[in-house]
Amino acid sequence: MAEQQKTQFTRLAFEAAAIVASILLAFSIDASWKEHLDRQEEAEVLSRLHTEFSANFALIARTKDDCTSGC
């Protein structure tokens, strides 16, 4: 009888460990996905900023050229 209880306890411990491991894996996957989305959003924002800065620099250069020729 004691051997059967030990076997049941061992089985229960393995099942509990499997459940905990699967939950931790799910949390890890979720965190990785959120990090991926954050990096993607950051890249989009940086791209838009680059476009805006380039346009502003071009506008500044044109304004500077216009002023040097007769402002």
Protein backbone atom coordinates (compact mmCIF):
# COMPACT_ATOMS: atom_id res chain seq x y z
CA MET A 1 0.00 0.00 0.00
CA ALA A 2 2.82 2.42 0.80
CA GLU A 3 4.40 1.71 -2.57
CA GLN A 4 1.15 2.60 -4.34
CA GLN A 5 0.90 5.91 -2.41
CA LYS A 6 4.52 6.71 -3.32
CA THR A 7 3.78 6.02 -6.98
CA GLN A 8 0.68 8.24 -6.87
CA PHE A 9 2.63 11.02 -5.15
CA THR A 10 5.40 10.77 -7.75
CA ARG A 11 2.86 10.93 -10.57
CA LEU A 12 1.15 13.90 -8.94
CA ALA A 13 4.49 15.68 -8.51
CA PHE A 14 5.37 15.16 -12.19
CA GLU A 15 1.97 16.41 -13.31
CA ALA A 16 2.27 19.49 -11.10
CA ALA A 17 5.78 20.15 -12.45
CA ALA A 18 4.50 19.80 -16.02
CA ILE A 19 1.69 22.27 -15.35
CA VAL A 20 4.03 24.80 -13.74
CA ALA A 21 6.53 24.42 -16.60
CA SER A 22 3.83 24.94 -19.22
CA ILE A 23 2.55 28.07 -17.45
CA LEU A 24 6.09 29.48 -17.23
CA LEU A 25 6.63 28.68 -20.91
CA ALA A 26 3.39 30.48 -21.81
CA PHE A 27 4.49 33.56 -19.83
CA SER A 28 7.86 33.48 -21.55
CA ILE A 29 6.30 33.28 -25.01
CA ASP A 30 3.91 36.12 -24.17
CA ALA A 31 6.75 38.33 -22.93
CA SER A 32 8.81 37.58 -26.04
CA TRP A 33 5.88 38.46 -28.31
CA LYS A 34 5.27 41.75 -26.47
CA GLU A 35 8.96 42.60 -26.77
CA HIS A 36 8.83 41.83 -30.50
CA LEU A 37 5.81 44.13 -30.94
CA ASP A 38 7.55 46.88 -28.95
CA ARG A 39 10.66 46.64 -31.15
CA GLN A 40 8.50 46.75 -34.28
CA GLU A 41 6.64 49.83 -33.03
CA GLU A 42 9.94 51.48 -32.10
CA ALA A 43 11.31 50.86 -35.59
CA GLU A 44 8.22 52.45 -37.15
CA VAL A 45 8.45 55.51 -34.91
CA LEU A 46 12.16 55.91 -35.65
CA SER A 47 11.47 55.63 -39.37
CA ARG A 48 8.82 58.36 -39.17
CA LEU A 49 11.16 60.56 -37.15
CA HIS A 50 13.92 60.07 -39.72
CA THR A 51 11.55 61.11 -42.51
CA GLU A 52 10.41 64.16 -40.56
CA PHE A 53 13.97 65.22 -39.65
CA SER A 54 15.11 64.80 -43.25
CA ALA A 55 12.25 66.99 -44.45
CA ASN A 56 13.04 69.60 -41.80
CA PHE A 57 16.74 69.64 -42.71
CA ALA A 58 15.85 70.07 -46.38
CA LEU A 59 13.50 72.94 -45.50
CA ILE A 60 16.19 74.59 -43.37
CA ALA A 61 18.72 74.24 -46.19
CA ARG A 62 16.29 75.79 -48.72
CA THR A 63 15.48 78.64 -46.33
CA LYS A 64 19.16 79.24 -45.69
CA ASP A 65 19.89 79.28 -49.44
CA ASP A 66 17.00 81.71 -50.05
CA CYS A 67 18.22 84.05 -47.32
CA THR A 68 21.80 84.09 -48.56
CA SER A 69 20.64 85.14 -52.01
CA GLY A 70 18.58 88.08 -50.83
CA CYS A 71 16.73 87.77 -47.56
